[in-house]
Amino acid sequence: MSVGLSIIVPVYKVEPYLGKCIESILNQTYGDFELILVDDGSPDRCGVICDEYAGKDRRIKVIHKENGGLSSARNQGLDIAKGQYIGFIDSDDYINEDMYSILLSNAKKHDADISQCGYIIIDDQQMEIAKTSNQVSVLTNIDALNNLYNELYVPTVITVNKIYRKVLFEDIRFPERKIHEDEFTTYKLLYKANKIVKTDIKLYYYYQSNNSIMRKEFNLKRLDALEAFQQRRIFFKNNNLPELYHKACNSYRLRLISYYFKVRNEISNNNHILHSIKRYFNSLFIEMIKENGLSYKILKQYLFFYLSPTFYLGVTKIRIKLRG
């Protein structure tokens, strides 16, 4: 039987936080939803906690599976979801009681395929949240995609502060065994959307502990982002979106350079990784030269790194000093 909303929550090693997450969902002022808890082979009591909640509330479905990662868990939830709209929550986060009521109201009022709200990062010390004003704007898919390249990048790219019309996922799934899974997926969903409605009100509470993967020292899994950025620029090229394609190429260039120096400074036995990143950069540079798609200023930046990353770094430091 169809419901208004399917909420998918992957669950893995979050025993101290899971109850608060689930309670925040069950306390929503919007009630026509199913909650799909996907126990991703968690070795603690998370699976038991999921089953206990399912025994108390008929809206809850539980999937128990072998560990496959966040994307795998989301995908299994998508496979059984019955909702007209789909939402995702990370199991160590929680949400404002009005979040889905507001998101669905905005989506229906504006006939939007995606509805987005603001989020706020909380940590072990900061647990009290203040609401902000509910300023609503309606975007085309191209407007939303352009926000991937400005100050609205983070709220645009993350998955959990949105609901999506289910039909968007007919041919889209999250990439398994990757981190930065939203980087691989969100742009495809935005492209398929007829309209995106967003509110500035901060309704999603994103918990970031001191041990969060994004706060830890650089590790090789972070290189998954390079694959995502490469796929995105090719996607824009294949779909004849030249402005977005050039923005994506520039973003990919900057990420390659950033990761090159992070690997050089923070990863031991790194020569083969550095060679790979440099090879990707050189390939991008040659492609952009052939397409005549570089301004003189950007061409110089490409050329400096192409000839010598160390020289590029030296020039960059001199420029920063001169500006200061």
C-alpha atoms as a PDB file:
ATOM      1  CA  MET A   1       0.000   0.000   0.000  1.00  0.00           C
ATOM      2  CA  SER A   2       1.336   3.424  -0.978  1.00  0.00           C
ATOM      3  CA  VAL A   3       2.195   6.035   1.644  1.00  0.00           C
ATOM      4  CA  GLY A   4       3.113   9.671   1.338  1.00  0.00           C
ATOM      5  CA  LEU A   5       6.743   9.245   2.343  1.00  0.00           C
ATOM      6  CA  SER A   6       9.363   6.533   2.798  1.00  0.00           C
ATOM      7  CA  ILE A   7      12.154   7.426   5.230  1.00  0.00           C
ATOM      8  CA  ILE A   8      15.266   5.269   4.809  1.00  0.00           C
ATOM      9  CA  VAL A   9      17.765   5.057   7.669  1.00  0.00           C
ATOM     10  CA  PRO A  10      20.947   2.965   7.263  1.00  0.00           C
ATOM     11  CA  VAL A  11      22.072   1.707  10.674  1.00  0.00           C
ATOM     12  CA  TYR A  12      25.619   0.724  11.618  1.00  0.00           C
ATOM     13  CA  LYS A  13      27.448   1.049  14.951  1.00  0.00           C
ATOM     14  CA  VAL A  14      25.380   3.964  16.242  1.00  0.00           C
ATOM     15  CA  GLU A  15      23.940   2.409  19.396  1.00  0.00           C
ATOM     16  CA  PRO A  16      24.330   5.580  21.554  1.00  0.00           C
ATOM     17  CA  TYR A  17      22.492   7.753  18.984  1.00  0.00           C
ATOM     18  CA  LEU A  18      19.958   5.463  17.307  1.00  0.00           C
ATOM     19  CA  GLY A  19      17.118   5.939  19.779  1.00  0.00           C
ATOM     20  CA  LYS A  20      17.211   9.724  19.462  1.00  0.00           C
ATOM     21  CA  CYS A  21      17.222   9.457  15.665  1.00  0.00           C
ATOM     22  CA  ILE A  22      14.235   7.096  15.554  1.00  0.00           C
ATOM     23  CA  GLU A  23      12.264   9.075  18.148  1.00  0.00           C
ATOM     24  CA  SER A  24      12.728  12.279  16.152  1.00  0.00           C
ATOM     25  CA  ILE A  25      11.193  10.530  13.140  1.00  0.00           C
ATOM     26  CA  LEU A  26       8.289   8.959  15.028  1.00  0.00           C
ATOM     27  CA  ASN A  27       7.494  12.366  16.567  1.00  0.00           C
ATOM     28  CA  GLN A  28       7.009  14.045  13.185  1.00  0.00           C
ATOM     29  CA  THR A  29       3.896  16.191  12.857  1.00  0.00           C
ATOM     30  CA  TYR A  30       3.457  14.531   9.444  1.00  0.00           C
ATOM     31  CA  GLY A  31       2.361  10.948  10.033  1.00  0.00           C
ATOM     32  CA  ASP A  32       1.724   9.246   6.671  1.00  0.00           C
ATOM     33  CA  PHE A  33       5.137   7.632   6.320  1.00  0.00           C
ATOM     34  CA  GLU A  34       6.931   4.327   6.508  1.00  0.00           C
ATOM     35  CA  LEU A  35      10.268   4.158   8.291  1.00  0.00           C
ATOM     36  CA  ILE A  36      12.712   1.675   6.777  1.00  0.00           C
ATOM     37  CA  LEU A  37      15.547   0.839   9.167  1.00  0.00           C
ATOM     38  CA  VAL A  38      18.362  -0.985   7.375  1.00  0.00           C
ATOM     39  CA  ASP A  39      20.601  -2.813   9.847  1.00  0.00           C
ATOM     40  CA  ASP A  40      23.824  -3.002   7.850  1.00  0.00           C
ATOM     41  CA  GLY A  41      25.311  -5.909   9.797  1.00  0.00           C
ATOM     42  CA  SER A  42      25.940  -3.759  12.870  1.00  0.00           C
ATOM     43  CA  PRO A  43      27.930  -5.749  15.474  1.00  0.00           C
ATOM     44  CA  ASP A  44      26.364  -3.989  18.482  1.00  0.00           C
ATOM     45  CA  ARG A  45      22.730  -3.885  19.666  1.00  0.00           C
ATOM     46  CA  CYS A  46      21.522  -1.698  16.798  1.00  0.00           C
ATOM     47  CA  GLY A  47      19.669  -4.558  15.115  1.00  0.00           C
ATOM     48  CA  VAL A  48      17.876  -5.421  18.357  1.00  0.00           C
ATOM     49  CA  ILE A  49      16.938  -1.774  18.906  1.00  0.00           C
ATOM     50  CA  CYS A  50      15.476  -1.612  15.382  1.00  0.00           C
ATOM     51  CA  ASP A  51      13.356  -4.708  16.021  1.00  0.00           C
ATOM     52  CA  GLU A  52      12.151  -3.352  19.366  1.00  0.00           C
ATOM     53  CA  TYR A  53      10.914  -0.153  17.734  1.00  0.00           C
ATOM     54  CA  ALA A  54       9.274  -2.118  14.909  1.00  0.00           C
ATOM     55  CA  GLY A  55       7.350  -4.078  17.521  1.00  0.00           C
ATOM     56  CA  LYS A  56       5.909  -0.841  18.887  1.00  0.00           C
ATOM     57  CA  ASP A  57       5.048   1.009  15.649  1.00  0.00           C
ATOM     58  CA  ARG A  58       3.520  -0.558  12.530  1.00  0.00           C
ATOM     59  CA  ARG A  59       5.024   2.144  10.318  1.00  0.00           C
ATOM     60  CA  ILE A  60       8.503   0.684  10.861  1.00  0.00           C
ATOM     61  CA  LYS A  61      10.068  -1.943   8.598  1.00  0.00           C
ATOM     62  CA  VAL A  62      13.443  -3.495   9.414  1.00  0.00           C
ATOM     63  CA  ILE A  63      15.943  -5.011   6.992  1.00  0.00           C
ATOM     64  CA  HIS A  64      18.842  -7.037   8.405  1.00  0.00           C
ATOM     65  CA  LYS A  65      21.711  -7.488   5.944  1.00  0.00           C
ATOM     66  CA  GLU A  66      25.407  -8.213   5.776  1.00  0.00           C
ATOM     67  CA  ASN A  67      27.606  -5.157   6.045  1.00  0.00           C
ATOM     68  CA  GLY A  68      27.886  -3.429   2.693  1.00  0.00           C
ATOM     69  CA  GLY A  69      28.210   0.245   3.543  1.00  0.00           C
ATOM     70  CA  LEU A  70      25.938   3.275   3.501  1.00  0.00           C
ATOM     71  CA  SER A  71      25.124   3.151  -0.214  1.00  0.00           C
ATOM     72  CA  SER A  72      24.242  -0.538  -0.106  1.00  0.00           C
ATOM     73  CA  ALA A  73      21.889   0.056   2.824  1.00  0.00           C
ATOM     74  CA  ARG A  74      20.215   3.016   1.119  1.00  0.00           C
ATOM     75  CA  ASN A  75      19.767   0.989  -2.057  1.00  0.00           C
ATOM     76  CA  GLN A  76      18.100  -1.895  -0.231  1.00  0.00           C
ATOM     77  CA  GLY A  77      15.730   0.577   1.372  1.00  0.00           C
ATOM     78  CA  LEU A  78      14.917   2.048  -2.031  1.00  0.00           C
ATOM     79  CA  ASP A  79      14.139  -1.421  -3.385  1.00  0.00           C
ATOM     80  CA  ILE A  80      11.203  -1.865  -0.987  1.00  0.00           C
ATOM     81  CA  ALA A  81      10.085   1.757  -0.540  1.00  0.00           C
ATOM     82  CA  LYS A  82       6.376   2.436  -1.172  1.00  0.00           C
ATOM     83  CA  GLY A  83       6.296   6.186  -0.618  1.00  0.00           C
ATOM     84  CA  GLN A  84       5.428   8.811  -3.193  1.00  0.00           C
ATOM     85  CA  TYR A  85       8.443  10.703  -1.865  1.00  0.00           C
ATOM     86  CA  ILE A  86      11.716   9.371  -0.438  1.00  0.00           C
ATOM     87  CA  GLY A  87      13.791  10.792   2.407  1.00  0.00           C
ATOM     88  CA  PHE A  88      17.077   9.663   3.955  1.00  0.00           C
ATOM     89  CA  ILE A  89      18.458  10.191   7.447  1.00  0.00           C
ATOM     90  CA  ASP A  90      21.839   9.165   8.827  1.00  0.00           C
ATOM     91  CA  SER A  91      21.306   7.170  12.002  1.00  0.00           C
ATOM     92  CA  ASP A  92      23.480   9.348  14.252  1.00  0.00           C
ATOM     93  CA  ASP A  93      21.562  12.483  13.228  1.00  0.00           C
ATOM     94  CA  TYR A  94      18.076  13.665  14.142  1.00  0.00           C
ATOM     95  CA  ILE A  95      15.456  16.031  12.759  1.00  0.00           C
ATOM     96  CA  ASN A  96      13.065  18.775  13.788  1.00  0.00           C
ATOM     97  CA  GLU A  97       9.517  17.541  14.410  1.00  0.00           C
ATOM     98  CA  ASP A  98       8.185  19.693  11.540  1.00  0.00           C
ATOM     99  CA  MET A  99      10.811  18.779   8.957  1.00  0.00           C
ATOM    100  CA  TYR A 100       8.807  16.434   6.756  1.00  0.00           C
ATOM    101  CA  SER A 101       5.584  18.411   7.139  1.00  0.00           C
ATOM    102  CA  ILE A 102       7.344  21.503   5.805  1.00  0.00           C
ATOM    103  CA  LEU A 103       9.239  19.678   3.047  1.00  0.00           C
ATOM    104  CA  LEU A 104       6.110  17.919   1.768  1.00  0.00           C
ATOM    105  CA  SER A 105       3.984  21.054   1.992  1.00  0.00           C
ATOM    106  CA  ASN A 106       6.528  22.976  -0.084  1.00  0.00           C
ATOM    107  CA  ALA A 107       6.850  20.134  -2.601  1.00  0.00           C
ATOM    108  CA  LYS A 108       3.097  19.876  -3.150  1.00  0.00           C
ATOM    109  CA  LYS A 109       2.489  23.622  -3.198  1.00  0.00           C
ATOM    110  CA  HIS A 110       5.067  24.128  -5.949  1.00  0.00           C
ATOM    111  CA  ASP A 111       4.713  20.712  -7.651  1.00  0.00           C
ATOM    112  CA  ALA A 112       8.432  20.112  -7.101  1.00  0.00           C
ATOM    113  CA  ASP A 113      10.285  16.831  -7.523  1.00  0.00           C
ATOM    114  CA  ILE A 114      12.787  17.737  -4.795  1.00  0.00           C
ATOM    115  CA  SER A 115      12.202  19.703  -1.599  1.00  0.00           C
ATOM    116  CA  GLN A 116      15.162  20.891   0.465  1.00  0.00           C
ATOM    117  CA  CYS A 117      15.672  22.460   3.888  1.00  0.00           C
ATOM    118  CA  GLY A 118      18.629  23.871   5.776  1.00  0.00           C
ATOM    119  CA  TYR A 119      20.789  21.914   8.157  1.00  0.00           C
ATOM    120  CA  ILE A 120      22.998  22.647  11.116  1.00  0.00           C
ATOM    121  CA  ILE A 121      26.089  20.811  12.320  1.00  0.00           C
ATOM    122  CA  ILE A 122      26.060  19.803  15.963  1.00  0.00           C
ATOM    123  CA  ASP A 123      28.744  18.150  18.045  1.00  0.00           C
ATOM    124  CA  ASP A 124      29.210  16.673  21.493  1.00  0.00           C
ATOM    125  CA  GLN A 125      29.025  20.106  23.133  1.00  0.00           C
ATOM    126  CA  GLN A 126      26.299  21.759  21.035  1.00  0.00           C
ATOM    127  CA  MET A 127      22.894  20.108  21.298  1.00  0.00           C
ATOM    128  CA  GLU A 128      20.387  22.983  21.418  1.00  0.00           C
ATOM    129  CA  ILE A 129      19.087  24.196  18.077  1.00  0.00           C
ATOM    130  CA  ALA A 130      17.377  27.453  17.157  1.00  0.00           C
ATOM    131  CA  LYS A 131      14.979  27.674  14.204  1.00  0.00           C
ATOM    132  CA  THR A 132      15.509  30.209  11.449  1.00  0.00           C
ATOM    133  CA  SER A 133      13.063  31.941   9.099  1.00  0.00           C
ATOM    134  CA  ASN A 134      11.200  29.929   6.484  1.00  0.00           C
ATOM    135  CA  GLN A 135      12.268  31.722   3.295  1.00  0.00           C
ATOM    136  CA  VAL A 136      11.242  29.616   0.288  1.00  0.00           C
ATOM    137  CA  SER A 137      12.628  29.733  -3.257  1.00  0.00           C
ATOM    138  CA  VAL A 138      11.868  27.657  -6.346  1.00  0.00           C
ATOM    139  CA  LEU A 139      14.684  26.618  -8.687  1.00  0.00           C
ATOM    140  CA  THR A 140      14.971  25.007 -12.080  1.00  0.00           C
ATOM    141  CA  ASN A 141      17.194  21.964 -12.306  1.00  0.00           C
ATOM    142  CA  ILE A 142      19.920  24.076 -13.933  1.00  0.00           C
ATOM    143  CA  ASP A 143      19.716  26.694 -11.174  1.00  0.00           C
ATOM    144  CA  ALA A 144      20.139  23.963  -8.571  1.00  0.00           C
ATOM    145  CA  LEU A 145      23.054  22.363 -10.421  1.00  0.00           C
ATOM    146  CA  ASN A 146      24.828  25.712 -10.549  1.00  0.00           C
ATOM    147  CA  ASN A 147      24.609  25.831  -6.756  1.00  0.00           C
ATOM    148  CA  LEU A 148      27.100  22.955  -6.700  1.00  0.00           C
ATOM    149  CA  TYR A 149      29.704  25.590  -7.615  1.00  0.00           C
ATOM    150  CA  ASN A 150      29.002  28.400  -5.177  1.00  0.00           C
ATOM    151  CA  GLU A 151      28.542  28.992  -1.452  1.00  0.00           C
ATOM    152  CA  LEU A 152      25.408  26.796  -1.475  1.00  0.00           C
ATOM    153  CA  TYR A 153      27.430  23.713  -2.429  1.00  0.00           C
ATOM    154  CA  VAL A 154      27.068  21.735   0.819  1.00  0.00           C
ATOM    155  CA  PRO A 155      23.279  22.056   1.340  1.00  0.00           C
ATOM    156  CA  THR A 156      22.849  21.335  -2.373  1.00  0.00           C
ATOM    157  CA  VAL A 157      24.986  18.197  -2.581  1.00  0.00           C
ATOM    158  CA  ILE A 158      24.042  16.388   0.630  1.00  0.00           C
ATOM    159  CA  THR A 159      21.187  13.893   0.451  1.00  0.00           C
ATOM    160  CA  VAL A 160      19.703  13.939   3.931  1.00  0.00           C
ATOM    161  CA  ASN A 161      18.150  17.429   3.976  1.00  0.00           C
ATOM    162  CA  LYS A 162      15.794  16.655   1.090  1.00  0.00           C
ATOM    163  CA  ILE A 163      12.846  14.605  -0.073  1.00  0.00           C
ATOM    164  CA  TYR A 164      12.682  13.249  -3.614  1.00  0.00           C
ATOM    165  CA  ARG A 165       9.784  12.144  -5.753  1.00  0.00           C
ATOM    166  CA  LYS A 166      10.248   8.388  -5.947  1.00  0.00           C
ATOM    167  CA  VAL A 167      10.234   8.298  -9.753  1.00  0.00           C
ATOM    168  CA  LEU A 168      13.633  10.050  -9.764  1.00  0.00           C
ATOM    169  CA  PHE A 169      15.219   6.847  -8.452  1.00  0.00           C
ATOM    170  CA  GLU A 170      13.885   4.601 -11.226  1.00  0.00           C
ATOM    171  CA  ASP A 171      17.337   4.378 -12.840  1.00  0.00           C
ATOM    172  CA  ILE A 172      19.549   5.873 -10.117  1.00  0.00           C
ATOM    173  CA  ARG A 173      21.192   4.154  -7.163  1.00  0.00           C
ATOM    174  CA  PHE A 174      24.000   5.066  -4.778  1.00  0.00           C
ATOM    175  CA  PRO A 175      27.524   3.775  -5.602  1.00  0.00           C
ATOM    176  CA  GLU A 176      28.448   0.870  -3.363  1.00  0.00           C
ATOM    177  CA  ARG A 177      31.765   0.617  -1.503  1.00  0.00           C
ATOM    178  CA  LYS A 178      32.409   4.341  -2.014  1.00  0.00           C
ATOM    179  CA  ILE A 179      32.471   7.290   0.342  1.00  0.00           C
ATOM    180  CA  HIS A 180      31.352  10.709  -0.911  1.00  0.00           C
ATOM    181  CA  GLU A 181      28.291   8.809  -2.163  1.00  0.00           C
ATOM    182  CA  ASP A 182      26.269  12.028  -2.465  1.00  0.00           C
ATOM    183  CA  GLU A 183      28.847  13.446  -4.895  1.00  0.00           C
ATOM    184  CA  PHE A 184      28.143  10.515  -7.215  1.00  0.00           C
ATOM    185  CA  THR A 185      24.367  10.793  -7.047  1.00  0.00           C
ATOM    186  CA  THR A 186      22.822  14.164  -6.201  1.00  0.00           C
ATOM    187  CA  TYR A 187      23.627  15.881  -9.507  1.00  0.00           C
ATOM    188  CA  LYS A 188      21.804  13.132 -11.422  1.00  0.00           C
ATOM    189  CA  LEU A 189      18.709  13.562  -9.266  1.00  0.00           C
ATOM    190  CA  LEU A 190      18.801  17.346  -9.616  1.00  0.00           C
ATOM    191  CA  TYR A 191      19.126  17.032 -13.395  1.00  0.00           C
ATOM    192  CA  LYS A 192      16.032  14.811 -13.598  1.00  0.00           C
ATOM    193  CA  ALA A 193      13.920  17.106 -11.400  1.00  0.00           C
ATOM    194  CA  ASN A 194      11.376  19.438 -12.966  1.00  0.00           C
ATOM    195  CA  LYS A 195      11.631  21.893 -10.073  1.00  0.00           C
ATOM    196  CA  ILE A 196      13.458  22.099  -6.758  1.00  0.00           C
ATOM    197  CA  VAL A 197      11.960  24.009  -3.854  1.00  0.00           C
ATOM    198  CA  LYS A 198      14.147  24.981  -0.930  1.00  0.00           C
ATOM    199  CA  THR A 199      13.664  26.646   2.408  1.00  0.00           C
ATOM    200  CA  ASP A 200      16.378  28.224   4.513  1.00  0.00           C
ATOM    201  CA  ILE A 201      14.892  26.965   7.765  1.00  0.00           C
ATOM    202  CA  LYS A 202      17.314  24.575   9.485  1.00  0.00           C
ATOM    203  CA  LEU A 203      15.415  21.382  10.209  1.00  0.00           C
ATOM    204  CA  TYR A 204      18.077  18.690   9.861  1.00  0.00           C
ATOM    205  CA  TYR A 205      20.529  18.249  12.734  1.00  0.00           C
ATOM    206  CA  TYR A 206      23.760  16.802  11.409  1.00  0.00           C
ATOM    207  CA  TYR A 207      25.854  15.234  14.149  1.00  0.00           C
ATOM    208  CA  GLN A 208      29.610  15.438  13.622  1.00  0.00           C
ATOM    209  CA  SER A 209      31.705  13.883  16.355  1.00  0.00           C
ATOM    210  CA  ASN A 210      35.367  14.630  16.866  1.00  0.00           C
ATOM    211  CA  ASN A 211      36.096  11.220  15.301  1.00  0.00           C
ATOM    212  CA  SER A 212      34.016  11.800  12.172  1.00  0.00           C
ATOM    213  CA  ILE A 213      35.615  10.529   8.939  1.00  0.00           C
ATOM    214  CA  MET A 214      35.499  14.046   7.491  1.00  0.00           C
ATOM    215  CA  ARG A 215      37.447  15.400  10.500  1.00  0.00           C
ATOM    216  CA  LYS A 216      40.108  12.715  10.528  1.00  0.00           C
ATOM    217  CA  GLU A 217      43.443  13.040   8.774  1.00  0.00           C
ATOM    218  CA  PHE A 218      43.387  12.547   5.028  1.00  0.00           C
ATOM    219  CA  ASN A 219      43.060   8.907   3.952  1.00  0.00           C
ATOM    220  CA  LEU A 220      42.980   7.148   0.596  1.00  0.00           C
ATOM    221  CA  LYS A 221      39.214   6.568   0.644  1.00  0.00           C
ATOM    222  CA  ARG A 222      38.823  10.317   0.231  1.00  0.00           C
ATOM    223  CA  LEU A 223      40.135   9.830  -3.308  1.00  0.00           C
ATOM    224  CA  ASP A 224      36.701   8.442  -4.217  1.00  0.00           C
ATOM    225  CA  ALA A 225      35.694  12.081  -4.661  1.00  0.00           C
ATOM    226  CA  LEU A 226      37.994  12.361  -7.690  1.00  0.00           C
ATOM    227  CA  GLU A 227      36.052   9.622  -9.448  1.00  0.00           C
ATOM    228  CA  ALA A 228      32.780  11.370  -8.603  1.00  0.00           C
ATOM    229  CA  PHE A 229      34.018  14.730  -9.923  1.00  0.00           C
ATOM    230  CA  GLN A 230      35.274  13.100 -13.113  1.00  0.00           C
ATOM    231  CA  GLN A 231      31.943  11.360 -13.704  1.00  0.00           C
ATOM    232  CA  ARG A 232      30.051  14.589 -13.093  1.00  0.00           C
ATOM    233  CA  ARG A 233      31.972  16.632 -15.647  1.00  0.00           C
ATOM    234  CA  ILE A 234      31.509  13.896 -18.263  1.00  0.00           C
ATOM    235  CA  PHE A 235      27.786  13.782 -17.441  1.00  0.00           C
ATOM    236  CA  PHE A 236      27.451  17.522 -18.093  1.00  0.00           C
ATOM    237  CA  LYS A 237      29.397  17.202 -21.340  1.00  0.00           C
ATOM    238  CA  ASN A 238      27.265  14.312 -22.574  1.00  0.00           C
ATOM    239  CA  ASN A 239      24.075  16.212 -21.735  1.00  0.00           C
ATOM    240  CA  ASN A 240      25.187  19.341 -23.607  1.00  0.00           C
ATOM    241  CA  LEU A 241      25.514  21.614 -20.586  1.00  0.00           C
ATOM    242  CA  PRO A 242      28.651  23.600 -21.517  1.00  0.00           C
ATOM    243  CA  GLU A 243      28.561  26.133 -18.661  1.00  0.00           C
ATOM    244  CA  LEU A 244      28.184  23.418 -16.036  1.00  0.00           C
ATOM    245  CA  TYR A 245      30.769  21.302 -17.829  1.00  0.00           C
ATOM    246  CA  HIS A 246      33.404  24.033 -17.578  1.00  0.00           C
ATOM    247  CA  LYS A 247      32.558  24.663 -13.934  1.00  0.00           C
ATOM    248  CA  ALA A 248      32.864  20.937 -13.282  1.00  0.00           C
ATOM    249  CA  CYS A 249      36.228  20.790 -15.061  1.00  0.00           C
ATOM    250  CA  ASN A 250      37.557  23.653 -12.960  1.00  0.00           C
ATOM    251  CA  SER A 251      36.257  22.036  -9.777  1.00  0.00           C
ATOM    252  CA  TYR A 252      37.865  18.736 -10.772  1.00  0.00           C
ATOM    253  CA  ARG A 253      41.166  20.532 -11.492  1.00  0.00           C
ATOM    254  CA  LEU A 254      41.220  22.175  -8.078  1.00  0.00           C
ATOM    255  CA  ARG A 255      40.342  18.914  -6.320  1.00  0.00           C
ATOM    256  CA  LEU A 256      43.133  17.068  -8.165  1.00  0.00           C
ATOM    257  CA  ILE A 257      45.661  19.687  -7.086  1.00  0.00           C
ATOM    258  CA  SER A 258      44.411  19.734  -3.500  1.00  0.00           C
ATOM    259  CA  TYR A 259      44.503  15.944  -3.196  1.00  0.00           C
ATOM    260  CA  TYR A 260      47.932  15.754  -4.815  1.00  0.00           C
ATOM    261  CA  PHE A 261      49.453  17.833  -2.032  1.00  0.00           C
ATOM    262  CA  LYS A 262      47.407  16.124   0.687  1.00  0.00           C
ATOM    263  CA  VAL A 263      48.686  12.734  -0.478  1.00  0.00           C
ATOM    264  CA  ARG A 264      52.245  14.038  -0.754  1.00  0.00           C
ATOM    265  CA  ASN A 265      52.163  15.492   2.756  1.00  0.00           C
ATOM    266  CA  GLU A 266      50.065  12.947   4.654  1.00  0.00           C
ATOM    267  CA  ILE A 267      50.353   9.514   2.974  1.00  0.00           C
ATOM    268  CA  SER A 268      53.518   7.404   3.118  1.00  0.00           C
ATOM    269  CA  ASN A 269      54.702   5.259   0.168  1.00  0.00           C
ATOM    270  CA  ASN A 270      52.724   7.593  -2.048  1.00  0.00           C
ATOM    271  CA  ASN A 271      54.600   7.698  -5.369  1.00  0.00           C
ATOM    272  CA  HIS A 272      52.158   5.511  -7.305  1.00  0.00           C
ATOM    273  CA  ILE A 273      49.198   7.573  -6.049  1.00  0.00           C
ATOM    274  CA  LEU A 274      50.893  10.854  -6.935  1.00  0.00           C
ATOM    275  CA  HIS A 275      51.662   9.548 -10.421  1.00  0.00           C
ATOM    276  CA  SER A 276      48.012   8.569 -10.880  1.00  0.00           C
ATOM    277  CA  ILE A 277      46.696  11.961  -9.773  1.00  0.00           C
ATOM    278  CA  LYS A 278      49.222  13.727 -12.006  1.00  0.00           C
ATOM    279  CA  ARG A 279      48.196  11.525 -14.918  1.00  0.00           C
ATOM    280  CA  TYR A 280      44.519  12.451 -14.394  1.00  0.00           C
ATOM    281  CA  PHE A 281      45.486  16.117 -14.251  1.00  0.00           C
ATOM    282  CA  ASN A 282      47.583  15.926 -17.422  1.00  0.00           C
ATOM    283  CA  SER A 283      44.748  14.184 -19.248  1.00  0.00           C
ATOM    284  CA  LEU A 284      42.318  16.917 -18.183  1.00  0.00           C
ATOM    285  CA  PHE A 285      44.778  19.641 -19.225  1.00  0.00           C
ATOM    286  CA  ILE A 286      45.265  18.171 -22.688  1.00  0.00           C
ATOM    287  CA  GLU A 287      41.511  17.745 -23.115  1.00  0.00           C
ATOM    288  CA  MET A 288      40.875  21.379 -22.186  1.00  0.00           C
ATOM    289  CA  ILE A 289      43.625  22.578 -24.540  1.00  0.00           C
ATOM    290  CA  LYS A 290      42.044  20.659 -27.423  1.00  0.00           C
ATOM    291  CA  GLU A 291      38.660  22.175 -26.629  1.00  0.00           C
ATOM    292  CA  ASN A 292      40.139  25.683 -26.383  1.00  0.00           C
ATOM    293  CA  GLY A 293      38.194  26.061 -23.154  1.00  0.00           C
ATOM    294  CA  LEU A 294      40.708  27.919 -20.983  1.00  0.00           C
ATOM    295  CA  SER A 295      41.175  31.595 -20.255  1.00  0.00           C
ATOM    296  CA  TYR A 296      44.773  32.833 -20.189  1.00  0.00           C
ATOM    297  CA  LYS A 297      44.710  33.053 -16.384  1.00  0.00           C
ATOM    298  CA  ILE A 298      43.474  29.477 -15.931  1.00  0.00           C
ATOM    299  CA  LEU A 299      45.787  28.231 -18.687  1.00  0.00           C
ATOM    300  CA  LYS A 300      48.793  29.495 -16.701  1.00  0.00           C
ATOM    301  CA  GLN A 301      47.600  27.705 -13.577  1.00  0.00           C
ATOM    302  CA  TYR A 302      47.162  24.467 -15.507  1.00  0.00           C
ATOM    303  CA  LEU A 303      50.570  24.871 -17.112  1.00  0.00           C
ATOM    304  CA  PHE A 304      52.447  25.510 -13.858  1.00  0.00           C
ATOM    305  CA  PHE A 305      51.112  22.334 -12.259  1.00  0.00           C
ATOM    306  CA  TYR A 306      51.499  20.371 -15.504  1.00  0.00           C
ATOM    307  CA  LEU A 307      55.209  21.258 -15.673  1.00  0.00           C
ATOM    308  CA  SER A 308      55.948  20.877 -11.957  1.00  0.00           C
ATOM    309  CA  PRO A 309      53.624  20.597  -8.936  1.00  0.00           C
ATOM    310  CA  THR A 310      56.442  21.941  -6.740  1.00  0.00           C
ATOM    311  CA  PHE A 311      56.827  24.989  -8.997  1.00  0.00           C
ATOM    312  CA  TYR A 312      53.043  25.502  -8.908  1.00  0.00           C
ATOM    313  CA  LEU A 313      53.095  25.433  -5.107  1.00  0.00           C
ATOM    314  CA  GLY A 314      55.942  27.950  -4.978  1.00  0.00           C
ATOM    315  CA  VAL A 315      54.174  30.358  -7.330  1.00  0.00           C
ATOM    316  CA  THR A 316      50.956  30.035  -5.338  1.00  0.00           C
ATOM    317  CA  LYS A 317      52.742  30.851  -2.070  1.00  0.00           C
ATOM    318  CA  ILE A 318      54.365  33.924  -3.632  1.00  0.00           C
ATOM    319  CA  ARG A 319      50.974  35.148  -4.894  1.00  0.00           C
ATOM    320  CA  ILE A 320      49.451  34.733  -1.444  1.00  0.00           C
ATOM    321  CA  LYS A 321      52.313  36.715   0.128  1.00  0.00           C
ATOM    322  CA  LEU A 322      51.959  39.518  -2.411  1.00  0.00           C
ATOM    323  CA  ARG A 323      48.218  39.759  -1.776  1.00  0.00           C
ATOM    324  CA  GLY A 324      48.775  39.839   1.991  1.00  0.00           C
END
